[in-house]
N, C-alpha and C. Protein backbone atom coordinates (compact mmCIF):
# COMPACT_ATOMS: atom_id res chain seq x y z
N UNK A 1 16.19 20.55 -28.93
CA UNK A 1 15.55 21.45 -28.15
C UNK A 1 14.43 21.34 -28.64
N UNK A 2 13.97 21.14 -29.63
CA UNK A 2 13.20 20.68 -30.52
C UNK A 2 11.50 19.67 -29.52
N UNK A 3 12.99 18.48 -29.46
CA UNK A 3 12.11 17.91 -28.46
C UNK A 3 11.22 18.38 -27.14
N UNK A 4 12.24 18.79 -26.98
CA UNK A 4 12.51 18.86 -25.38
C UNK A 4 10.61 20.28 -25.24
N UNK A 5 11.31 21.21 -26.16
CA UNK A 5 9.97 22.48 -25.85
C UNK A 5 8.58 21.22 -26.50
N UNK A 6 8.57 20.26 -27.59
CA UNK A 6 7.20 19.82 -28.38
C UNK A 6 6.72 19.03 -27.14
N UNK A 7 7.65 18.15 -25.52
CA UNK A 7 7.26 17.52 -24.36
C UNK A 7 6.44 18.57 -23.28
N UNK A 8 6.80 19.41 -23.61
CA UNK A 8 6.73 20.23 -22.35
C UNK A 8 4.96 20.76 -22.94
N UNK A 9 5.33 21.59 -24.46
CA UNK A 9 3.59 21.76 -25.25
C UNK A 9 2.56 20.13 -24.57
N UNK A 10 3.12 19.05 -24.90
CA UNK A 10 2.01 17.86 -24.59
C UNK A 10 1.61 18.05 -23.20
N UNK A 11 2.76 18.64 -22.39
CA UNK A 11 2.18 17.90 -20.65
C UNK A 11 1.32 19.09 -20.86
N UNK A 12 1.82 20.29 -21.19
CA UNK A 12 0.62 21.44 -20.58
C UNK A 12 -0.72 21.09 -21.65
N UNK A 13 -0.72 20.48 -22.76
CA UNK A 13 -2.15 19.77 -23.47
C UNK A 13 -3.03 19.95 -22.46
N UNK A 14 -1.99 18.58 -22.09
CA UNK A 14 -2.92 16.96 -22.11
C UNK A 14 -2.12 16.74 -20.40
N UNK A 15 -2.59 17.48 -19.39
CA UNK A 15 -1.80 17.73 -18.08
C UNK A 15 -2.12 16.34 -17.00
N UNK A 16 -3.75 16.09 -17.53
CA UNK A 16 -4.20 14.57 -16.65
C UNK A 16 -3.47 13.05 -16.89
N UNK A 17 -3.68 12.90 -18.07
CA UNK A 17 -3.51 11.62 -19.31
C UNK A 17 -1.83 11.49 -18.71
N UNK A 18 -1.35 12.82 -18.19
CA UNK A 18 0.85 12.40 -18.81
C UNK A 18 0.99 12.54 -17.29
N UNK A 19 0.29 13.08 -16.62
CA UNK A 19 0.85 13.58 -15.02
C UNK A 19 -0.02 12.31 -14.45
N UNK A 20 -0.93 11.32 -14.33
CA UNK A 20 -1.74 11.10 -13.81
C UNK A 20 -2.30 11.74 -13.00
N UNK A 21 -3.09 12.96 -12.76
CA UNK A 21 -4.00 13.58 -11.83
C UNK A 21 -4.59 13.16 -11.59
N UNK A 22 -5.36 13.10 -9.83
CA UNK A 22 -6.21 12.69 -10.22
C UNK A 22 -7.84 13.35 -10.44
N UNK A 23 -8.78 13.38 -10.46
CA UNK A 23 -9.84 13.84 -10.90
C UNK A 23 -10.88 14.30 -10.16
N UNK A 24 -11.58 15.44 -9.65
CA UNK A 24 -12.78 15.23 -8.53
C UNK A 24 -13.81 13.85 -8.85
N UNK A 25 -14.19 13.57 -8.44
CA UNK A 25 -14.89 12.24 -8.70
C UNK A 25 -14.51 10.78 -8.77
N UNK A 26 -12.95 10.89 -8.74
CA UNK A 26 -12.56 9.45 -8.80
C UNK A 26 -12.30 8.78 -7.48
N UNK A 27 -12.60 7.13 -7.74
CA UNK A 27 -12.40 6.75 -6.49
C UNK A 27 -11.97 5.50 -6.27
N UNK A 28 -11.34 5.06 -5.70
CA UNK A 28 -10.78 3.87 -5.85
C UNK A 28 -11.77 2.89 -4.65
N UNK A 29 -12.06 1.89 -5.37
CA UNK A 29 -13.03 0.99 -4.49
C UNK A 29 -12.58 -0.42 -3.80
N UNK A 30 -11.43 -0.61 -3.03
CA UNK A 30 -10.75 -1.80 -2.67
C UNK A 30 -11.74 -3.43 -2.28
N UNK A 31 -12.48 -2.79 -1.44
CA UNK A 31 -13.47 -3.62 -1.17
C UNK A 31 -14.75 -3.14 -0.96
N UNK A 32 -16.34 -3.96 -1.82
CA UNK A 32 -17.44 -3.65 -1.58
C UNK A 32 -17.68 -3.43 0.12
N UNK A 33 -18.37 -2.73 0.26
CA UNK A 33 -19.28 -2.77 1.85
C UNK A 33 -20.09 -3.90 2.65
N UNK A 34 -20.22 -4.92 1.28
CA UNK A 34 -21.26 -6.09 1.31
C UNK A 34 -20.47 -7.03 2.00
N UNK A 35 -19.37 -7.55 1.13
CA UNK A 35 -18.02 -7.89 1.31
C UNK A 35 -17.31 -8.34 2.89
N UNK A 36 -16.84 -6.58 2.91
CA UNK A 36 -16.53 -6.44 3.67
C UNK A 36 -17.88 -6.85 5.36
N UNK A 37 -18.71 -6.56 5.03
CA UNK A 37 -19.56 -7.16 6.10
C UNK A 37 -19.75 -8.48 6.65
N UNK A 38 -19.50 -9.46 5.24
CA UNK A 38 -19.89 -10.50 4.79
C UNK A 38 -18.73 -11.45 5.59
N UNK A 39 -17.43 -11.07 5.29
CA UNK A 39 -15.88 -11.12 6.11
C UNK A 39 -15.94 -11.46 7.47
N UNK A 40 -16.35 -10.15 8.53
CA UNK A 40 -16.46 -9.74 9.40
C UNK A 40 -17.16 -10.45 10.31
N UNK A 41 -18.30 -11.17 9.60
CA UNK A 41 -18.91 -12.25 10.54
C UNK A 41 -18.65 -13.35 9.90
N UNK A 42 -18.05 -13.60 9.15
CA UNK A 42 -17.62 -15.44 9.03
C UNK A 42 -18.90 -15.65 8.00
N UNK A 43 -19.03 -15.27 7.23
CA UNK A 43 -20.14 -15.53 6.70
C UNK A 43 -21.79 -14.92 6.30
N UNK A 44 -22.90 -14.26 6.74
CA UNK A 44 -23.52 -14.15 6.41
C UNK A 44 -23.54 -13.03 7.31
N UNK A 45 -23.71 -12.07 7.21
CA UNK A 45 -24.01 -10.63 7.89
C UNK A 45 -25.10 -10.39 8.53
N UNK A 46 -25.63 -9.73 9.74
CA UNK A 46 -26.44 -9.74 10.66
C UNK A 46 -27.33 -8.98 10.16
N UNK A 47 -28.68 -8.45 10.27
CA UNK A 47 -29.22 -7.13 10.03
C UNK A 47 -28.75 -6.05 10.71
N UNK A 48 -28.73 -5.09 9.44
CA UNK A 48 -28.23 -4.39 10.46
C UNK A 48 -29.41 -3.28 11.79
N UNK A 49 -27.98 -2.51 12.18
CA UNK A 49 -29.49 -2.28 12.98
C UNK A 49 -28.77 0.06 13.33
N UNK A 50 -29.60 0.59 14.18
CA UNK A 50 -28.48 2.03 14.06
C UNK A 50 -29.05 2.19 15.34
N UNK A 51 -27.47 3.16 15.36
CA UNK A 51 -27.07 3.97 16.57
C UNK A 51 -27.37 5.03 16.04
N UNK A 52 -28.39 5.57 17.36
CA UNK A 52 -29.21 7.18 17.71
C UNK A 52 -27.81 8.32 18.16
N UNK A 53 -27.61 8.98 17.60
CA UNK A 53 -26.92 10.02 18.16
C UNK A 53 -27.61 11.24 18.75
N UNK A 54 -27.65 10.67 19.88
CA UNK A 54 -28.63 12.07 20.79
C UNK A 54 -27.58 12.31 21.65
N UNK A 55 -28.04 13.77 22.08
CA UNK A 55 -27.30 14.34 23.05
C UNK A 55 -26.53 14.23 23.98
N UNK A 56 -27.24 12.97 24.53
CA UNK A 56 -25.98 12.28 25.75
C UNK A 56 -25.17 11.74 24.76
N UNK A 57 -24.42 12.03 23.95
CA UNK A 57 -23.43 10.98 23.09
C UNK A 57 -22.91 11.94 22.55
N UNK A 58 -23.39 13.61 22.38
CA UNK A 58 -22.92 14.26 21.05
C UNK A 58 -21.46 14.58 21.37
N UNK A 59 -21.44 14.95 22.84
CA UNK A 59 -20.19 15.44 23.94
C UNK A 59 -19.20 14.75 23.22
N UNK A 60 -19.06 13.55 24.04
CA UNK A 60 -17.96 12.57 23.26
C UNK A 60 -17.48 12.47 22.16
N UNK A 61 -18.78 12.44 20.81
CA UNK A 61 -18.21 13.00 19.97
C UNK A 61 -17.38 13.31 18.88
N UNK A 62 -17.98 14.62 19.51
CA UNK A 62 -17.62 15.94 19.09
C UNK A 62 -16.08 15.76 19.76
N UNK A 63 -15.42 15.39 20.50
CA UNK A 63 -14.27 14.87 20.85
C UNK A 63 -13.60 14.39 20.14
N UNK A 64 -14.06 12.94 20.04
CA UNK A 64 -13.25 11.69 19.39
C UNK A 64 -13.25 12.69 17.74
N UNK A 65 -13.96 13.11 17.21
CA UNK A 65 -13.75 13.45 16.42
C UNK A 65 -13.58 14.43 16.12
N UNK A 66 -13.49 15.70 16.81
CA UNK A 66 -13.08 16.73 16.67
C UNK A 66 -13.96 17.94 15.66
N UNK A 67 -15.50 17.27 15.93
CA UNK A 67 -16.32 17.67 14.77
C UNK A 67 -17.34 16.96 15.42
N UNK A 68 -19.01 17.89 14.87
CA UNK A 68 -19.77 17.28 15.05
C UNK A 68 -20.26 16.24 14.26
N UNK A 69 -20.69 14.93 14.07
CA UNK A 69 -20.97 13.96 13.54
C UNK A 69 -21.73 14.33 11.79
N UNK A 70 -22.68 14.70 11.99
CA UNK A 70 -23.30 15.89 11.33
C UNK A 70 -24.96 14.44 10.86
N UNK A 71 -25.16 13.11 11.71
CA UNK A 71 -25.77 12.79 11.16
C UNK A 71 -26.68 12.07 12.60
N UNK A 72 -28.08 11.56 12.17
CA UNK A 72 -28.37 11.48 13.55
C UNK A 72 -29.15 9.75 13.61
N UNK A 73 -28.22 9.22 13.01
CA UNK A 73 -28.17 7.67 13.41
C UNK A 73 -27.11 7.50 12.41
N UNK A 74 -26.13 6.06 12.65
CA UNK A 74 -25.09 5.48 12.54
C UNK A 74 -25.62 3.89 12.59
N UNK A 75 -25.64 3.33 11.22
CA UNK A 75 -25.52 2.16 11.23
C UNK A 75 -24.67 1.32 11.54
N UNK A 76 -25.05 -0.66 11.96
CA UNK A 76 -23.80 -1.03 12.83
C UNK A 76 -24.34 -2.12 12.37
N UNK A 77 -23.35 -2.92 13.09
CA UNK A 77 -23.67 -4.96 12.63
C UNK A 77 -23.93 -5.44 14.00
N UNK A 78 -24.49 -5.93 14.64
CA UNK A 78 -23.96 -6.64 15.75
C UNK A 78 -24.60 -8.43 15.75
N UNK A 79 -23.15 -9.28 16.02
CA UNK A 79 -23.59 -10.70 16.46
C UNK A 79 -22.74 -10.54 17.78
N UNK A 80 -23.40 -11.11 18.41
CA UNK A 80 -22.87 -10.79 20.57
C UNK A 80 -22.20 -10.34 20.89
N UNK A 81 -20.80 -9.88 20.66
CA UNK A 81 -20.49 -9.00 21.54
C UNK A 81 -19.05 -8.65 20.54
N UNK A 82 -19.08 -8.79 18.84
CA UNK A 82 -18.45 -8.21 18.14
C UNK A 82 -20.22 -6.78 17.53
N UNK A 83 -19.55 -6.12 16.60
CA UNK A 83 -19.67 -5.53 15.46
C UNK A 83 -18.89 -4.92 14.76
N UNK A 84 -19.64 -4.58 13.68
CA UNK A 84 -19.19 -4.26 12.77
C UNK A 84 -20.11 -2.52 12.43
N UNK A 85 -18.59 -1.27 11.30
CA UNK A 85 -19.08 -0.42 11.78
C UNK A 85 -18.33 -0.02 10.07
N UNK A 86 -19.31 0.97 9.27
CA UNK A 86 -18.94 1.86 8.51
C UNK A 86 -18.67 2.40 8.17
N UNK A 87 -17.94 3.95 7.92
CA UNK A 87 -17.53 5.27 9.19
C UNK A 87 -17.03 5.59 7.71
N UNK A 88 -17.17 7.16 7.41
CA UNK A 88 -16.31 7.64 6.86
C UNK A 88 -16.09 8.91 7.10
N UNK A 89 -14.96 9.57 7.71
CA UNK A 89 -14.36 10.41 7.29
C UNK A 89 -13.67 11.38 6.67
N UNK A 90 -12.92 12.93 6.44
CA UNK A 90 -12.58 13.40 5.35
C UNK A 90 -10.93 13.11 5.94
N UNK A 91 -10.04 12.55 4.49
CA UNK A 91 -8.43 13.08 4.61
C UNK A 91 -8.27 14.07 4.50
N UNK A 92 -8.13 14.79 3.61
CA UNK A 92 -7.98 16.12 3.28
C UNK A 92 -8.86 16.61 2.23
N UNK A 93 -9.37 16.63 1.81
CA UNK A 93 -10.93 16.89 1.15
C UNK A 93 -12.05 16.14 1.07
N UNK A 94 -11.87 14.81 0.77
CA UNK A 94 -12.32 13.79 0.35
C UNK A 94 -13.16 12.82 1.74
N UNK A 95 -13.55 12.01 1.52
CA UNK A 95 -14.42 11.20 2.37
C UNK A 95 -13.73 9.52 2.16
N UNK A 96 -12.88 9.22 3.20
CA UNK A 96 -12.40 7.62 2.96
C UNK A 96 -13.43 6.84 3.83
N UNK A 97 -13.83 6.25 3.38
CA UNK A 97 -15.03 4.53 4.09
C UNK A 97 -14.06 3.85 4.13
N UNK A 98 -14.26 3.40 5.40
CA UNK A 98 -13.88 2.48 6.48
C UNK A 98 -14.18 1.49 6.91
N UNK A 99 -14.30 0.65 7.30
CA UNK A 99 -14.56 -0.88 7.89
C UNK A 99 -14.19 -1.16 8.65
N UNK A 100 -14.36 -1.25 9.98
CA UNK A 100 -13.99 -1.60 11.42
C UNK A 100 -15.18 -2.07 12.10
N UNK A 101 -13.46 -3.48 12.32
CA UNK A 101 -14.94 -4.58 13.29
C UNK A 101 -13.90 -3.99 15.15
N UNK A 102 -15.14 -4.63 15.80
CA UNK A 102 -14.60 -4.45 17.53
C UNK A 102 -15.07 -5.69 17.79
N UNK A 103 -14.34 -6.26 18.26
CA UNK A 103 -14.84 -7.49 19.20
C UNK A 103 -14.61 -7.35 20.69
N UNK A 104 -14.86 -8.20 21.83
CA UNK A 104 -14.64 -7.25 22.80
C UNK A 104 -14.37 -6.36 23.39
N UNK A 105 -14.58 -5.11 23.21
CA UNK A 105 -14.18 -4.11 23.00
C UNK A 105 -12.88 -3.41 22.47
N UNK A 106 -12.27 -4.14 21.50
CA UNK A 106 -10.82 -3.98 20.67
C UNK A 106 -11.28 -4.06 19.41
N UNK A 107 -10.04 -3.04 19.06
CA UNK A 107 -10.14 -3.05 16.93
C UNK A 107 -9.80 -4.76 17.05
N UNK A 108 -10.90 -5.87 16.00
CA UNK A 108 -10.63 -6.49 15.38
C UNK A 108 -9.87 -6.78 13.96
N UNK A 109 -10.65 -5.53 12.94
CA UNK A 109 -9.90 -5.28 11.93
C UNK A 109 -10.25 -3.78 11.54
N UNK A 110 -9.61 -3.26 10.50
CA UNK A 110 -9.63 -1.58 10.14
C UNK A 110 -9.38 -2.62 8.36
N UNK A 111 -10.34 -1.49 7.74
CA UNK A 111 -10.05 -2.11 6.32
C UNK A 111 -10.31 -1.23 5.40
N UNK A 112 -9.67 0.03 4.80
CA UNK A 112 -10.64 0.58 3.61
C UNK A 112 -11.41 0.50 2.45
N UNK A 113 -12.51 0.66 2.18
CA UNK A 113 -13.40 0.42 2.33
C UNK A 113 -13.19 0.89 0.49
N UNK A 114 -13.47 2.37 0.78
CA UNK A 114 -13.37 3.07 -0.57
C UNK A 114 -12.16 4.46 -0.03
N UNK A 115 -11.49 4.76 -1.47
CA UNK A 115 -10.50 6.34 -1.29
C UNK A 115 -10.55 7.04 -2.12
N UNK A 116 -11.03 8.29 -1.72
CA UNK A 116 -11.25 9.24 -2.90
C UNK A 116 -10.16 10.23 -2.56
N UNK A 117 -9.11 10.32 -2.01
CA UNK A 117 -8.13 11.21 -1.88
C UNK A 117 -7.36 10.69 -3.68
N UNK A 118 -6.36 12.06 -3.55
CA UNK A 118 -5.25 12.13 -4.91
C UNK A 118 -4.02 11.44 -4.08
N UNK A 119 -3.80 11.26 -2.21
CA UNK A 119 -3.10 11.37 -2.34
C UNK A 119 -2.80 10.43 -0.83
N UNK A 120 -2.14 10.23 -0.13
CA UNK A 120 -1.91 8.81 1.06
C UNK A 120 -3.04 7.21 0.71
N UNK A 121 -3.23 7.02 -0.25
CA UNK A 121 -3.43 5.87 -0.58
C UNK A 121 -3.23 4.58 0.79
N UNK A 122 -1.92 5.06 1.48
CA UNK A 122 -0.84 3.61 1.57
C UNK A 122 -1.43 3.56 3.11
N UNK A 123 -2.43 4.34 3.23
CA UNK A 123 -3.26 3.63 4.89
C UNK A 123 -4.30 2.54 4.94
N UNK A 124 -4.78 2.08 2.92
CA UNK A 124 -5.06 0.96 3.47
C UNK A 124 -4.23 -0.68 3.32
N UNK A 125 -2.72 -0.65 3.34
CA UNK A 125 -2.49 -1.22 3.54
C UNK A 125 -2.09 -1.84 5.19
N UNK A 126 -1.71 -3.32 5.11
CA UNK A 126 -1.99 -4.38 6.25
C UNK A 126 -0.95 -3.32 7.06
N UNK A 127 -0.03 -3.08 6.59
CA UNK A 127 1.48 -3.02 7.73
C UNK A 127 0.86 -0.99 8.44
N UNK A 128 0.18 -0.89 7.78
CA UNK A 128 -0.51 0.46 8.31
C UNK A 128 -1.80 -0.24 9.32
N UNK A 129 -2.68 -0.75 8.60
CA UNK A 129 -4.08 -1.02 9.61
C UNK A 129 -3.80 -2.52 9.86
N UNK A 130 -2.78 -2.54 10.13
CA UNK A 130 -2.69 -4.09 11.27
C UNK A 130 -2.38 -3.69 12.69
N UNK A 131 -1.84 -2.60 12.88
CA UNK A 131 -1.44 -1.35 14.20
C UNK A 131 -2.34 -1.18 14.73
N UNK A 132 -3.58 -1.12 14.65
CA UNK A 132 -5.24 -0.69 14.80
C UNK A 132 -5.57 -2.46 15.84
N UNK A 133 -4.64 -3.46 15.35
CA UNK A 133 -5.48 -4.79 16.06
C UNK A 133 -5.10 -4.93 17.32
N UNK A 134 -6.46 -4.94 18.10
CA UNK A 134 -6.36 -4.83 19.56
C UNK A 134 -6.34 -3.48 20.08
N UNK A 135 -6.72 -2.83 19.52
CA UNK A 135 -6.44 -1.70 20.19
C UNK A 135 -7.64 -1.51 20.79
N UNK A 136 -7.53 -0.33 22.31
CA UNK A 136 -8.75 -0.23 22.47
C UNK A 136 -8.79 1.61 23.03
N UNK A 137 -10.31 1.61 23.52
CA UNK A 137 -10.41 2.99 24.08
C UNK A 137 -10.23 3.37 25.43
N UNK A 138 -9.56 4.22 25.77
CA UNK A 138 -9.26 4.69 26.75
C UNK A 138 -10.33 5.47 27.42
N UNK A 139 -9.79 6.32 28.75
CA UNK A 139 -10.94 7.30 29.34
C UNK A 139 -10.96 8.48 28.44
N UNK A 140 -9.92 8.64 28.55
CA UNK A 140 -9.70 10.15 27.56
C UNK A 140 -9.93 10.34 26.18
N UNK A 141 -10.99 8.79 25.58
CA UNK A 141 -11.19 8.62 24.21
C UNK A 141 -10.16 8.94 23.22
N UNK A 142 -8.61 8.53 24.07
CA UNK A 142 -7.62 8.29 22.84
C UNK A 142 -7.38 6.61 22.59
N UNK A 143 -6.97 6.22 21.89
CA UNK A 143 -6.45 4.74 21.88
C UNK A 143 -5.02 4.59 22.64
N UNK A 144 -5.13 2.83 23.13
CA UNK A 144 -4.51 2.90 24.02
C UNK A 144 -2.74 3.00 23.84
N UNK A 145 -2.62 2.62 22.20
CA UNK A 145 -1.59 2.98 21.87
C UNK A 145 -1.10 3.84 20.58
N UNK A 146 0.13 4.55 20.21
CA UNK A 146 -0.02 5.33 18.98
C UNK A 146 0.30 4.60 18.12
N UNK A 147 0.05 5.38 16.80
CA UNK A 147 -0.28 4.98 15.80
C UNK A 147 0.84 5.25 14.82
N UNK A 148 1.66 4.38 14.00
CA UNK A 148 2.25 5.40 13.68
C UNK A 148 2.83 6.05 11.80
N UNK A 149 2.55 6.75 12.11
CA UNK A 149 2.42 7.52 10.09
C UNK A 149 2.95 7.43 9.32
N UNK A 150 2.41 8.37 8.47
CA UNK A 150 3.28 7.51 6.80
C UNK A 150 3.68 9.25 6.18
N UNK A 151 4.54 8.88 6.38
CA UNK A 151 4.83 10.66 5.21
C UNK A 151 4.32 10.09 4.78
N UNK A 152 3.75 11.75 4.14
CA UNK A 152 2.85 12.32 2.85
C UNK A 152 1.47 12.21 3.14
N UNK A 153 0.94 11.20 4.15
CA UNK A 153 -0.11 10.98 4.62
C UNK A 153 -0.78 11.17 5.78
N UNK A 154 -0.86 12.20 6.41
CA UNK A 154 -0.64 12.59 7.27
C UNK A 154 -2.33 12.56 7.73
N UNK A 155 -2.77 13.24 6.86
CA UNK A 155 -4.64 13.34 7.07
C UNK A 155 -5.21 12.15 6.85
N UNK A 156 -4.97 11.44 6.25
CA UNK A 156 -5.09 10.49 6.06
C UNK A 156 -5.41 9.39 7.17
N UNK A 157 -3.84 9.29 7.97
CA UNK A 157 -3.54 8.92 9.00
C UNK A 157 -4.36 9.30 10.08
N UNK A 158 -4.88 10.60 10.10
CA UNK A 158 -5.60 11.33 11.86
C UNK A 158 -6.60 10.28 11.02
N UNK A 159 -7.20 10.50 9.82
CA UNK A 159 -8.72 10.19 9.64
C UNK A 159 -8.98 9.28 10.20
N UNK A 160 -8.24 7.82 9.71
CA UNK A 160 -8.37 6.62 9.99
C UNK A 160 -8.26 6.19 11.68
N UNK A 161 -7.35 7.16 12.27
CA UNK A 161 -7.24 7.10 14.19
C UNK A 161 -8.60 7.35 14.73
N UNK A 162 -9.25 8.82 13.72
CA UNK A 162 -10.46 9.48 14.46
C UNK A 162 -11.50 8.44 14.67
N UNK A 163 -11.87 7.52 13.22
CA UNK A 163 -12.60 6.61 12.94
C UNK A 163 -12.06 5.26 13.95
N UNK A 164 -11.21 4.82 14.35
CA UNK A 164 -10.90 3.52 14.95
C UNK A 164 -11.53 3.95 16.20
N UNK A 165 -10.97 5.64 16.74
CA UNK A 165 -11.61 5.79 17.88
C UNK A 165 -12.74 5.70 18.60
N UNK A 166 -13.81 6.32 17.03
CA UNK A 166 -15.30 6.58 17.30
C UNK A 166 -15.70 4.84 16.96
N UNK A 167 -15.62 3.95 16.35
CA UNK A 167 -16.12 3.30 16.38
C UNK A 167 -16.01 2.50 17.90
N UNK A 168 -14.95 2.61 18.36
CA UNK A 168 -14.84 1.72 20.04
C UNK A 168 -15.39 2.50 20.63
N UNK A 169 -15.97 3.41 20.76
CA UNK A 169 -17.07 4.36 21.52
C UNK A 169 -17.59 4.11 20.89
N UNK A 170 -18.15 3.76 19.91
CA UNK A 170 -20.04 3.51 19.63
C UNK A 170 -20.12 1.58 19.77
N UNK A 171 -19.39 1.11 20.16
CA UNK A 171 -19.33 -0.68 20.71
C UNK A 171 -19.57 -0.05 21.47
N UNK A 172 -18.84 0.50 22.70
CA UNK A 172 -18.92 0.61 23.99
C UNK A 172 -20.35 0.75 24.16
N UNK A 173 -20.76 1.76 23.61
CA UNK A 173 -22.60 2.73 23.50
C UNK A 173 -23.43 1.52 23.49
N UNK A 174 -23.30 0.33 22.06
CA UNK A 174 -24.72 -0.77 21.61
C UNK A 174 -24.33 -1.95 22.98
N UNK A 175 -23.54 -2.05 23.09
CA UNK A 175 -23.24 -3.23 24.23
C UNK A 175 -22.75 -3.37 25.31
N UNK A 176 -22.84 -1.98 26.29
CA UNK A 176 -23.21 -1.57 27.60
C UNK A 176 -24.51 -2.47 27.90
């Protein structure tokens, strides 16, 4: 009984190390953005360009993201009909930094670069991100396919799905 009491006391005194709690400011960097860009273009990445979020695009972006984007411009990289985007969306509380490559109007790659949430990190795995490969944007700004969710990662799944839709929309805007 004393050992059980001692264990409970230890957990109450030092909860983070024992329970592995996520601490504010923690982040898992899975891939540095500059390495993602090098991989996206098979070598040296092109110079960054800026997409200006003008009034003409705001309503469509609001429909896709279910909120205002909150920025005046978005950086992207382009080589021919291939664009790369490094975008962020809140999962539950913290932003998920994601690299997306669009080629010929369809998703070529989705990579979680930096993950800051305490749960839902499974969205970084290929079994999840590979679902987006080949996806296109339909006229109603939905993907042309459904994306299977992950139990316990609903908000992270939703965030990555929104980012895929946004990258496809932005790609269309800069390649027309």
